[in-house]
Structure formats: C-alpha cells, structure tokens
Protein backbone atom coordinates (compact mmCIF):
# COMPACT_ATOMS: atom_id res chain seq x y z
CA MET A 1 39.26 -2.67 12.95
CA ILE A 2 38.15 -2.77 9.30
CA GLU A 3 40.69 -1.36 6.90
CA LYS A 4 39.21 0.78 4.16
CA THR A 5 40.99 0.91 0.83
CA ARG A 6 40.33 2.81 -2.34
CA TRP A 7 39.62 -0.39 -4.28
CA LEU A 8 37.07 -1.64 -1.76
CA ASP A 9 35.31 1.72 -1.82
CA LEU A 10 35.26 1.65 -5.61
CA LEU A 11 33.95 -1.93 -5.67
CA SER A 12 31.19 -1.14 -3.18
CA HIS A 13 30.11 1.90 -5.21
CA LEU A 14 30.07 -0.16 -8.41
CA ILE A 15 27.89 -2.80 -6.76
CA VAL A 16 25.44 -0.15 -5.53
CA ILE A 17 25.34 1.52 -8.94
CA GLY A 18 24.82 -1.85 -10.62
CA GLY A 19 21.93 -2.66 -8.28
CA ILE A 20 20.29 0.70 -8.95
CA ALA A 21 20.68 0.24 -12.70
CA LEU A 22 19.19 -3.27 -12.48
CA VAL A 23 16.10 -1.94 -10.71
CA ALA A 24 15.76 1.30 -12.70
CA PHE A 25 16.26 -0.11 -16.22
CA PRO A 26 12.79 -1.74 -16.52
CA LEU A 27 11.21 1.46 -15.22
CA TRP A 28 13.12 3.46 -17.80
CA LEU A 29 11.94 1.14 -20.58
CA ALA A 30 8.35 1.50 -19.39
CA PHE A 31 8.63 5.29 -19.40
CA VAL A 32 10.23 5.29 -22.87
CA ALA A 33 7.49 3.01 -24.19
CA SER A 34 4.84 5.39 -22.84
CA THR A 35 6.25 8.28 -24.92
CA HIS A 36 6.12 6.58 -28.35
CA GLY A 37 3.34 5.79 -30.76
CA PRO A 38 1.88 2.29 -31.14
CA GLY A 39 3.99 1.31 -34.14
CA ALA A 40 7.39 2.16 -32.66
CA LEU A 41 7.26 -0.63 -30.08
CA TYR A 42 6.73 -3.38 -32.66
CA ARG A 43 9.60 -2.42 -34.93
CA PRO A 44 13.16 -3.40 -33.99
CA PRO A 45 15.23 -2.08 -32.42
CA VAL A 46 13.39 -1.32 -29.19
CA PRO A 47 13.53 2.45 -28.56
CA MET A 48 15.79 3.44 -25.67
CA TRP A 49 15.07 7.16 -25.59
CA PRO A 50 11.82 9.09 -25.07
CA GLY A 51 9.67 9.88 -28.08
CA ASP A 52 7.41 12.77 -29.00
CA GLN A 53 4.04 11.28 -27.92
CA LEU A 54 4.37 11.79 -24.16
CA LEU A 55 1.66 14.42 -23.73
CA THR A 56 -0.63 12.76 -26.27
CA ASN A 57 -0.49 9.32 -24.63
CA TYR A 58 -0.86 10.55 -21.07
CA ALA A 59 -3.67 12.97 -21.89
CA ALA A 60 -5.54 10.19 -23.70
CA VAL A 61 -5.41 7.65 -20.87
CA ILE A 62 -6.16 10.19 -18.14
CA GLY A 63 -9.18 11.67 -19.87
CA GLU A 64 -10.62 8.81 -21.89
CA GLY A 65 -8.93 5.57 -20.83
CA VAL A 66 -7.61 3.00 -23.28
CA ALA A 67 -10.18 3.05 -26.05
CA ARG A 68 -9.15 -0.26 -27.58
CA VAL A 69 -10.06 -2.23 -24.46
CA ARG A 70 -12.83 0.18 -23.35
CA SER A 71 -11.26 0.87 -19.98
CA ALA A 72 -12.44 3.52 -17.54
CA PRO A 73 -10.50 6.81 -17.48
CA VAL A 74 -7.28 6.45 -15.54
CA SER A 75 -8.23 9.41 -13.35
CA THR A 76 -11.25 7.42 -12.10
CA MET A 77 -9.17 4.30 -11.44
CA LEU A 78 -6.49 6.29 -9.63
CA PHE A 79 -9.11 7.96 -7.45
CA ASN A 80 -10.68 4.61 -6.55
CA SER A 81 -7.31 3.11 -5.67
CA PHE A 82 -6.33 6.17 -3.62
CA VAL A 83 -9.58 6.11 -1.63
CA MET A 84 -9.18 2.38 -1.02
CA ALA A 85 -5.52 2.62 0.00
CA MET A 86 -6.04 5.60 2.32
CA ALA A 87 -9.10 4.08 3.98
CA ILE A 88 -7.35 0.74 4.49
CA ALA A 89 -4.20 2.34 5.90
CA ILE A 90 -6.03 4.68 8.28
CA GLY A 91 -8.62 2.08 9.27
CA LYS A 92 -6.05 -0.62 10.01
CA ILE A 93 -3.99 1.75 12.15
CA VAL A 94 -7.00 3.05 14.13
CA ILE A 95 -8.45 -0.40 14.80
CA SER A 96 -5.05 -1.88 15.65
CA LEU A 97 -4.19 0.95 18.03
CA LEU A 98 -7.45 0.59 19.93
CA SER A 99 -7.33 -3.21 20.07
CA ALA A 100 -3.69 -3.25 21.22
CA PHE A 101 -4.48 -0.58 23.83
CA ALA A 102 -7.37 -2.65 25.17
CA ILE A 103 -5.31 -5.86 25.31
CA VAL A 104 -2.36 -4.26 27.11
CA TYR A 105 -3.99 -1.81 29.53
CA PHE A 106 -7.35 -3.37 30.40
CA ARG A 107 -7.93 -6.47 32.49
CA PHE A 108 -10.96 -8.41 31.27
CA PRO A 109 -11.83 -12.12 31.02
CA PHE A 110 -10.12 -14.05 28.21
CA ARG A 111 -7.91 -11.09 27.39
CA MET A 112 -4.99 -13.22 26.18
CA LEU A 113 -7.36 -15.57 24.38
CA CYS A 114 -8.63 -12.60 22.40
CA PHE A 115 -5.09 -11.59 21.53
CA TRP A 116 -4.05 -15.06 20.40
CA THR A 117 -7.25 -15.41 18.39
CA ILE A 118 -6.33 -12.21 16.54
CA PHE A 119 -2.74 -13.38 16.13
CA ILE A 120 -3.71 -16.80 14.77
CA THR A 121 -5.56 -15.13 11.89
CA LEU A 122 -2.11 -14.36 10.44
CA MET A 123 -1.92 -18.04 9.52
CA LEU A 124 -5.05 -17.82 7.37
CA PRO A 125 -4.30 -16.64 3.82
CA VAL A 126 -6.80 -14.37 2.11
CA GLU A 127 -7.87 -17.16 -0.27
CA VAL A 128 -9.16 -19.29 2.64
CA ARG A 129 -11.68 -16.71 3.82
CA ILE A 130 -12.41 -14.81 0.63
CA LEU A 131 -15.57 -16.74 -0.35
CA PRO A 132 -17.36 -16.40 3.02
CA THR A 133 -16.22 -12.77 3.19
CA TYR A 134 -17.69 -12.16 -0.26
CA GLN A 135 -20.95 -13.84 0.78
CA VAL A 136 -21.27 -11.60 3.83
CA ALA A 137 -20.48 -8.50 1.76
CA ALA A 138 -23.07 -9.50 -0.84
CA ASP A 139 -25.72 -10.12 1.84
CA LEU A 140 -25.06 -6.64 3.26
CA ASN A 141 -25.35 -5.02 -0.22
CA LEU A 142 -21.72 -3.87 -0.18
CA LEU A 143 -20.92 -4.90 -3.74
CA ASN A 144 -19.58 -2.21 -6.05
CA SER A 145 -19.05 0.34 -3.26
CA TYR A 146 -16.17 1.92 -1.39
CA THR A 147 -17.45 0.35 1.82
CA GLY A 148 -17.24 -3.08 0.23
CA LEU A 149 -13.73 -2.38 -1.04
CA VAL A 150 -12.44 -1.36 2.38
CA LEU A 151 -14.47 -2.78 5.27
CA PRO A 152 -13.89 -6.55 4.84
CA ILE A 153 -10.07 -6.17 4.82
CA ILE A 154 -9.66 -3.26 7.21
CA ALA A 155 -8.57 -5.27 10.27
CA SER A 156 -4.90 -6.16 10.69
CA ALA A 157 -3.47 -8.76 13.06
CA THR A 158 0.06 -7.70 12.13
CA ALA A 159 -0.44 -4.07 13.14
CA THR A 160 -2.23 -5.13 16.33
CA PHE A 161 0.71 -7.34 17.28
CA LEU A 162 3.26 -4.62 16.55
CA PHE A 163 1.40 -1.98 18.56
CA ARG A 164 0.94 -4.42 21.45
CA GLN A 165 4.66 -5.13 21.52
CA PHE A 166 5.39 -1.40 21.53
CA PHE A 167 2.89 -0.65 24.31
CA LEU A 168 4.52 -3.32 26.46
CA THR A 169 7.78 -1.34 26.30
CA VAL A 170 6.16 1.84 27.67
CA PRO A 171 7.33 2.26 31.31
CA ASP A 172 4.72 1.56 33.98
CA GLU A 173 5.75 4.84 35.62
CA LEU A 174 3.97 6.74 32.85
CA THR A 175 0.76 4.85 33.52
CA GLU A 176 1.01 5.49 37.25
CA ALA A 177 1.81 9.18 36.75
CA ALA A 178 -1.19 9.59 34.43
CA ARG A 179 -3.44 7.85 36.94
CA ILE A 180 -2.20 10.07 39.79
CA ASP A 181 -2.84 13.17 37.67
CA GLY A 182 -6.42 12.04 37.18
CA ALA A 183 -6.13 11.13 33.50
CA GLY A 184 -8.69 8.62 32.31
CA PRO A 185 -7.91 5.74 29.94
CA MET A 186 -8.69 7.65 26.75
CA LYS A 187 -6.80 10.76 27.87
CA PHE A 188 -3.79 8.58 28.64
CA PHE A 189 -4.16 6.99 25.22
CA TRP A 190 -4.55 10.31 23.39
CA ASP A 191 -1.98 12.43 25.25
CA ILE A 192 0.75 9.87 25.99
CA LEU A 193 0.53 6.70 23.89
CA LEU A 194 -0.31 8.33 20.56
CA PRO A 195 2.60 10.83 20.62
CA LEU A 196 4.96 7.98 21.57
CA SER A 197 3.58 5.85 18.73
CA LYS A 198 3.84 8.41 15.91
CA VAL A 199 6.99 6.88 14.43
CA ASN A 200 5.45 3.40 14.40
CA ILE A 201 2.24 4.80 12.96
CA ALA A 202 4.14 6.48 10.12
CA ALA A 203 6.04 3.29 9.27
CA LEU A 204 2.87 1.19 9.30
CA PHE A 205 1.00 3.80 7.25
CA VAL A 206 3.50 3.41 4.39
CA ILE A 207 3.26 -0.38 4.49
CA MET A 208 -0.53 -0.44 4.72
CA PHE A 209 -0.99 2.20 2.00
CA ILE A 210 1.07 0.16 -0.45
CA TYR A 211 -0.79 -2.99 0.64
CA GLY A 212 -4.12 -1.32 -0.11
CA TRP A 213 -2.88 0.21 -3.37
CA ASN A 214 -1.69 -3.16 -4.72
CA GLN A 215 -4.90 -5.06 -3.92
CA TYR A 216 -6.16 -7.04 -6.91
CA LEU A 217 -8.11 -10.16 -5.93
CA TRP A 218 -10.60 -8.56 -3.54
CA PRO A 219 -11.48 -5.55 -5.76
CA LEU A 220 -11.86 -7.97 -8.67
CA LEU A 221 -14.56 -9.85 -6.75
CA ILE A 222 -16.34 -6.99 -5.01
CA THR A 223 -16.68 -4.57 -7.95
CA THR A 224 -19.08 -5.07 -10.84
CA GLY A 225 -18.77 -1.85 -12.86
CA ASP A 226 -16.13 0.31 -14.49
CA SER A 227 -16.89 3.20 -12.14
CA MET A 228 -15.33 1.27 -9.21
CA THR A 229 -12.36 -0.25 -11.07
CA THR A 230 -9.00 0.20 -9.35
CA ILE A 231 -5.78 0.93 -11.19
CA VAL A 232 -4.31 -2.55 -10.67
CA MET A 233 -7.45 -4.14 -12.10
CA GLY A 234 -7.37 -1.68 -14.99
CA ILE A 235 -3.80 -2.55 -15.97
CA LYS A 236 -4.63 -6.24 -15.92
CA ARG A 237 -7.63 -5.72 -18.19
CA MET A 238 -5.65 -3.58 -20.62
CA VAL A 239 -3.19 -6.35 -21.44
CA GLN A 240 -5.97 -8.92 -22.02
CA VAL A 241 -6.86 -8.17 -25.61
CA PRO A 242 -8.89 -10.99 -27.24
CA ASP A 243 -7.37 -10.51 -30.69
CA GLY A 244 -4.29 -8.58 -31.65
CA GLN A 245 -1.61 -6.90 -29.58
CA PRO A 246 -2.30 -4.80 -26.47
CA PRO A 247 -1.75 -1.05 -26.88
CA TRP A 248 1.53 -1.18 -24.99
CA HIS A 249 2.29 2.52 -25.29
CA GLU A 250 -0.93 3.38 -23.45
CA VAL A 251 -0.56 0.48 -20.99
CA MET A 252 2.92 1.72 -20.07
CA ALA A 253 1.57 5.25 -19.61
CA VAL A 254 -1.04 3.90 -17.19
CA THR A 255 1.64 1.89 -15.40
CA MET A 256 3.82 4.96 -14.88
CA LEU A 257 0.84 6.90 -13.53
CA ALA A 258 0.05 4.02 -11.16
CA LEU A 259 3.57 4.30 -9.72
CA LEU A 260 3.24 7.93 -8.72
CA PRO A 261 1.04 7.81 -5.55
CA PRO A 262 3.07 5.06 -3.78
CA VAL A 263 6.32 6.79 -4.73
CA VAL A 264 5.05 10.13 -3.39
CA VAL A 265 3.98 8.49 -0.11
CA ILE A 266 7.35 6.77 0.31
CA VAL A 267 9.32 9.93 -0.49
CA LEU A 268 7.29 12.07 1.90
CA MET A 269 7.33 9.48 4.68
CA GLN A 270 10.81 8.06 4.10
CA ARG A 271 12.43 9.57 7.18
CA TRP A 272 9.65 8.44 9.48
CA PHE A 273 9.44 5.04 7.80
CA VAL A 274 13.13 4.26 8.29
CA LYS A 275 13.10 5.66 11.80
CA GLY A 276 10.12 3.51 12.72
CA LEU A 277 11.86 0.36 11.52
CA ILE A 278 15.24 0.90 13.18
CA GLU A 279 14.53 3.01 16.27
CA THR A 280 15.20 1.11 19.47
CA GLU A 281 14.99 3.86 22.09
CA LYS A 282 11.43 4.66 23.07
C-alpha cells in the first residue's frame, strides 16, 4: 500500500508544472518574438510579452514569404508539407496493412524470408540508400514533384511489423467463422481485420504524419524549385542569411505556423493515439 500525503502530492504537482514550464517556455519566446518588429529582438532586454505586430508579421509571411531571403509564401510551403505528410501516413498504413495481411494469412513460398527481408531494412539508415534512391527517382523523372516527395519513402518496415504482430493475436476462430460464412480473403480483411485494427491505425497515423511533416533531407534532394519547398526546408533557408542577421521575427512567425498542423493532428487523435499504445485487450 502506498501512503499518499499532502506534501508528496504537492511535490508531484510542482514537478509536473516545472516540466510543462520547461517545455512551454521556448515556445512562448518564439510566439512573443513573432509578434514584435525586427528591431525589438536585437535590443536588450529580450521581450517577454507579445507585441503589436502579430497580424502584420503573420500576414506578410503567409502571403508573400520572407522577402529578405526570397522564400516562397508560407501558405505554399505548408500545403506542400501537408500533402507530403498525409500521403506518407496514408500510404505507409495501406501498404503495411496489405503486406502484413499477406504474410500472416497466406501460405506462399519464402513467406518468412519476405518478412525478414522487410524487417532487416530497419537496420539500414536513410543515408545508406538515399543516393541510389535519388538516382532511381531522377531516372523516372520524379524530381520536383509530389510523387517524388512521397513514393520513395512510402514503405514502412516498422508499421508492417506492428500490424503483423497484431494480426497474430487475432483468434483463429474468427478466420474459421469467416471461411464458413463464405467470406473471401478481402472481405475478411475489410469487414473483420480493419475494424479491429482501427486503434492501431490511428496511433500509427499520428506517428507517420509527424514523420512525414518533419522530413528534411529527402525533400532537400528531390525538389529543385520554390514551388515544391516544404516548411522545414523553408525555415532552414530563412536562417541562412549570407550577410547580416536573419529576420527572426518573421522566422519565428513561420515556426509557429509550422507547429499548427502536427498539433491539430495530435489533439484530434490524442484519445485514439494513447489507446493504441496502451490497449492490451483485442
């Protein structure tokens, strides 16, 4: 039995509050910086409260981009990142579901060899295969396109492994009952396995969306024009000013806008995400 005391409760709350403050303080500074003019950030002391340039700064970067570094409009970069993240998340889930379904429920030669071949790719970092992948994409004329952004990184060994492990926990009685009722493989997959997998799908969608949203190295290689620039690439370019100081007030405004889509996805999917990570009863 664990005895609860007032002081232990107070200490635990203070630790939680301290952790939240530690994480939130840099975000607060970024938001404050995005609401001031360019001169306020270079004069001590550093402002701690929002200024009067919020609408001006955000309207400028959304409509025109950061003029000093000639960046694309933030709306364009956000759209590119959203398309890339959504396509990667949905594509990885679809391909992983089908591949795990085939490995678990079909008997074909070298079935386990296929699975272990997929699983071994987890040991290969992106940097090892990025040059041959780029060469293939270039030969197929996929440069500077949404297909080139998504297709070469759409497969996921991790998601395939997780769905395979889940499918192995599905009782054999369900498979037998579906077979007796005359359900074919795809009907069994669509009517039984998919509804049972919805929690896992939701959890993986959040992870894969954030993975796609944060991509930097591959979009940097595959895109050649401002029209296909993603938001992560845009932020990196904004802070690389050849001479002088970066326009930090506009960079921070872009950074805050880049936070919004992942935050919205996590907030909307939070219940399913947590449930998918901790649920043990299938």
